[in-house]
């Protein structure tokens, strides 16, 4: 994800309601470079049938931000 030998300095997991644009993202957690990247919660998924998108961003030592592909989760119901 960070490519070309750029070591990530921090990682951030974000959430967007449905499949909305990045401007609606909420930061859920920020992780230092050496920390495990895990998050558990129901943010945006409280109502059956609701959907939310998650992305992981890393910030490199050179200040570049790299983002993963969005993963959309839909609560059954």
N, C-alpha and C. Protein backbone atom coordinates (compact mmCIF):
# COMPACT_ATOMS: atom_id res chain seq x y z
N UNK A 1 0.83 -1.19 0.00
CA UNK A 1 0.00 0.00 0.00
C UNK A 1 0.87 1.24 0.00
N UNK A 2 2.02 1.24 0.70
CA UNK A 2 2.79 2.46 0.73
C UNK A 2 3.82 2.49 -0.38
N UNK A 3 4.18 1.40 -0.98
CA UNK A 3 4.98 1.31 -2.19
C UNK A 3 6.30 2.06 -2.20
N UNK A 4 7.15 1.70 -3.13
CA UNK A 4 8.42 2.35 -3.42
C UNK A 4 9.28 2.59 -2.18
N UNK A 5 9.26 1.68 -1.23
CA UNK A 5 10.13 1.76 -0.08
C UNK A 5 9.80 2.85 0.92
N UNK A 6 8.64 3.45 0.82
CA UNK A 6 8.25 4.50 1.78
C UNK A 6 7.66 3.85 3.01
N UNK A 7 8.32 4.04 4.14
CA UNK A 7 7.87 3.45 5.39
C UNK A 7 6.77 4.32 6.00
N UNK A 8 5.63 3.71 6.35
CA UNK A 8 4.56 4.52 6.95
C UNK A 8 4.94 5.01 8.34
N UNK A 9 4.61 6.25 8.64
CA UNK A 9 4.86 6.84 9.95
C UNK A 9 3.65 6.68 10.85
N UNK A 10 2.47 6.86 10.30
CA UNK A 10 1.22 6.63 11.03
C UNK A 10 0.21 6.04 10.07
N UNK A 11 -0.78 5.38 10.63
CA UNK A 11 -1.90 4.86 9.86
C UNK A 11 -3.19 5.32 10.51
N UNK A 12 -4.20 5.59 9.68
CA UNK A 12 -5.49 6.06 10.17
C UNK A 12 -6.59 5.25 9.50
N UNK A 13 -7.56 4.78 10.28
CA UNK A 13 -8.72 4.12 9.71
C UNK A 13 -9.87 5.12 9.72
N UNK A 14 -10.57 5.22 8.59
CA UNK A 14 -11.67 6.18 8.47
C UNK A 14 -12.95 5.49 8.07
N UNK A 15 -14.05 6.21 8.22
CA UNK A 15 -15.38 5.69 7.93
C UNK A 15 -16.16 6.75 7.17
N UNK A 16 -16.92 6.31 6.16
CA UNK A 16 -17.83 7.19 5.42
C UNK A 16 -19.19 6.53 5.37
N UNK A 17 -20.28 7.28 5.59
CA UNK A 17 -21.61 6.68 5.49
C UNK A 17 -21.89 6.22 4.07
N UNK A 18 -22.43 5.02 3.92
CA UNK A 18 -22.74 4.49 2.59
C UNK A 18 -21.48 4.43 1.75
N UNK A 19 -21.61 4.86 0.49
CA UNK A 19 -20.46 4.89 -0.41
C UNK A 19 -20.11 6.33 -0.73
N UNK A 20 -20.28 7.22 0.24
CA UNK A 20 -20.15 8.66 0.02
C UNK A 20 -18.70 9.09 -0.23
N UNK A 21 -18.57 10.33 -0.64
CA UNK A 21 -17.27 10.91 -0.96
C UNK A 21 -16.42 11.09 0.29
N UNK A 22 -15.14 11.27 0.08
CA UNK A 22 -14.18 11.39 1.17
C UNK A 22 -14.48 12.57 2.10
N UNK A 23 -15.13 13.59 1.62
CA UNK A 23 -15.37 14.76 2.46
C UNK A 23 -16.25 14.45 3.67
N UNK A 24 -16.89 13.29 3.68
CA UNK A 24 -17.74 12.90 4.80
C UNK A 24 -17.04 11.90 5.72
N UNK A 25 -15.76 11.67 5.53
CA UNK A 25 -15.05 10.69 6.35
C UNK A 25 -14.89 11.14 7.79
N UNK A 26 -14.94 10.17 8.68
CA UNK A 26 -14.69 10.37 10.10
C UNK A 26 -13.49 9.51 10.48
N UNK A 27 -12.53 10.07 11.19
CA UNK A 27 -11.39 9.29 11.65
C UNK A 27 -11.83 8.48 12.86
N UNK A 28 -11.63 7.16 12.78
CA UNK A 28 -12.03 6.27 13.87
C UNK A 28 -10.86 5.95 14.79
N UNK A 29 -9.66 5.83 14.23
CA UNK A 29 -8.49 5.50 15.04
C UNK A 29 -7.23 5.88 14.27
N UNK A 30 -6.17 6.23 15.02
CA UNK A 30 -4.86 6.50 14.44
C UNK A 30 -3.86 5.60 15.14
N UNK A 31 -2.96 5.01 14.36
CA UNK A 31 -2.00 4.04 14.88
C UNK A 31 -0.58 4.50 14.60
N UNK A 32 0.34 4.40 15.58
CA UNK A 32 1.76 4.67 15.30
C UNK A 32 2.30 3.62 14.32
N UNK A 33 3.41 3.90 13.69
CA UNK A 33 3.97 3.03 12.65
C UNK A 33 4.16 1.58 13.09
N UNK A 34 4.66 1.34 14.28
CA UNK A 34 4.97 -0.02 14.72
C UNK A 34 3.80 -0.73 15.40
N UNK A 35 2.69 -0.05 15.59
CA UNK A 35 1.55 -0.63 16.32
C UNK A 35 0.71 -1.54 15.42
N UNK A 36 0.09 -2.56 15.99
CA UNK A 36 -0.86 -3.37 15.23
C UNK A 36 -2.04 -2.49 14.78
N UNK A 37 -2.58 -2.77 13.63
CA UNK A 37 -3.70 -1.98 13.10
C UNK A 37 -4.98 -2.79 13.21
N UNK A 38 -5.71 -2.58 14.28
CA UNK A 38 -6.96 -3.29 14.50
C UNK A 38 -7.98 -2.33 15.10
N UNK A 39 -9.20 -2.45 14.68
CA UNK A 39 -10.28 -1.63 15.20
C UNK A 39 -11.55 -2.48 15.18
N UNK A 40 -12.34 -2.40 16.25
CA UNK A 40 -13.61 -3.12 16.33
C UNK A 40 -14.68 -2.14 16.77
N UNK A 41 -15.80 -2.15 16.12
CA UNK A 41 -16.88 -1.25 16.50
C UNK A 41 -18.06 -1.38 15.56
N UNK A 42 -19.09 -0.59 15.82
CA UNK A 42 -20.31 -0.62 15.00
C UNK A 42 -20.60 0.73 14.38
N UNK A 43 -19.63 1.63 14.34
CA UNK A 43 -19.82 2.98 13.83
C UNK A 43 -20.46 2.94 12.44
N UNK A 44 -21.61 3.58 12.30
CA UNK A 44 -22.30 3.65 11.02
C UNK A 44 -23.11 2.42 10.67
N UNK A 45 -23.17 1.44 11.55
CA UNK A 45 -23.87 0.19 11.26
C UNK A 45 -24.91 -0.17 12.33
N UNK A 46 -25.50 0.82 12.95
CA UNK A 46 -26.44 0.57 14.04
C UNK A 46 -27.81 0.09 13.57
N UNK A 47 -28.23 0.49 12.38
CA UNK A 47 -29.56 0.17 11.87
C UNK A 47 -29.46 -0.95 10.84
N UNK A 48 -30.31 -2.00 10.94
CA UNK A 48 -30.29 -3.05 9.93
C UNK A 48 -30.46 -2.47 8.53
N UNK A 49 -29.63 -2.95 7.60
CA UNK A 49 -29.66 -2.46 6.22
C UNK A 49 -28.73 -1.28 5.96
N UNK A 50 -28.14 -0.70 7.01
CA UNK A 50 -27.24 0.44 6.81
C UNK A 50 -25.90 -0.04 6.23
N UNK A 51 -25.25 0.85 5.49
CA UNK A 51 -23.96 0.54 4.88
C UNK A 51 -22.97 1.64 5.23
N UNK A 52 -21.71 1.26 5.31
CA UNK A 52 -20.65 2.23 5.57
C UNK A 52 -19.37 1.76 4.90
N UNK A 53 -18.53 2.70 4.52
CA UNK A 53 -17.27 2.39 3.85
C UNK A 53 -16.10 2.69 4.78
N UNK A 54 -15.11 1.81 4.78
CA UNK A 54 -13.92 1.98 5.59
C UNK A 54 -12.70 2.07 4.69
N UNK A 55 -11.72 2.91 5.07
CA UNK A 55 -10.45 3.02 4.36
C UNK A 55 -9.33 3.13 5.37
N UNK A 56 -8.15 2.68 4.97
CA UNK A 56 -6.96 2.82 5.78
C UNK A 56 -6.01 3.74 5.03
N UNK A 57 -5.54 4.79 5.71
CA UNK A 57 -4.58 5.73 5.14
C UNK A 57 -3.29 5.61 5.89
N UNK A 58 -2.16 5.77 5.18
CA UNK A 58 -0.86 5.85 5.83
C UNK A 58 -0.22 7.17 5.44
N UNK A 59 0.54 7.71 6.36
CA UNK A 59 1.31 8.93 6.12
C UNK A 59 2.77 8.54 6.16
N UNK A 60 3.50 8.79 5.07
CA UNK A 60 4.90 8.39 4.98
C UNK A 60 5.82 9.45 5.58
N UNK A 61 7.09 9.10 5.73
CA UNK A 61 8.07 10.02 6.29
C UNK A 61 8.24 11.26 5.41
N UNK A 62 7.93 11.15 4.13
CA UNK A 62 8.05 12.29 3.22
C UNK A 62 6.77 13.13 3.19
N UNK A 63 5.77 12.75 4.00
CA UNK A 63 4.53 13.52 4.09
C UNK A 63 3.47 13.13 3.08
N UNK A 64 3.70 12.08 2.31
CA UNK A 64 2.70 11.63 1.34
C UNK A 64 1.65 10.77 2.02
N UNK A 65 0.41 10.97 1.65
CA UNK A 65 -0.68 10.16 2.17
C UNK A 65 -1.07 9.13 1.12
N UNK A 66 -1.21 7.90 1.55
CA UNK A 66 -1.64 6.82 0.67
C UNK A 66 -2.88 6.18 1.28
N UNK A 67 -3.88 5.91 0.44
CA UNK A 67 -5.12 5.31 0.91
C UNK A 67 -5.38 3.96 0.28
N UNK A 68 -5.98 3.07 1.04
CA UNK A 68 -6.38 1.77 0.53
C UNK A 68 -7.65 1.92 -0.29
N UNK A 69 -8.05 0.87 -0.96
CA UNK A 69 -9.37 0.85 -1.58
C UNK A 69 -10.41 0.82 -0.47
N UNK A 70 -11.56 1.40 -0.72
CA UNK A 70 -12.63 1.40 0.28
C UNK A 70 -13.22 -0.01 0.39
N UNK A 71 -13.55 -0.39 1.60
CA UNK A 71 -14.26 -1.64 1.87
C UNK A 71 -15.61 -1.27 2.43
N UNK A 72 -16.69 -1.65 1.73
CA UNK A 72 -18.04 -1.32 2.17
C UNK A 72 -18.64 -2.50 2.92
N UNK A 73 -19.19 -2.21 4.09
CA UNK A 73 -19.83 -3.22 4.93
C UNK A 73 -21.30 -2.84 5.06
N UNK A 74 -22.19 -3.81 4.85
CA UNK A 74 -23.63 -3.60 5.00
C UNK A 74 -24.15 -4.49 6.11
N UNK A 75 -24.87 -3.89 7.05
CA UNK A 75 -25.44 -4.68 8.14
C UNK A 75 -26.66 -5.44 7.62
N UNK A 76 -26.72 -6.74 7.86
CA UNK A 76 -27.87 -7.52 7.41
C UNK A 76 -29.17 -7.02 8.07
N UNK A 77 -30.23 -7.27 7.37
CA UNK A 77 -31.51 -6.92 7.97
C UNK A 77 -32.36 -6.30 7.00
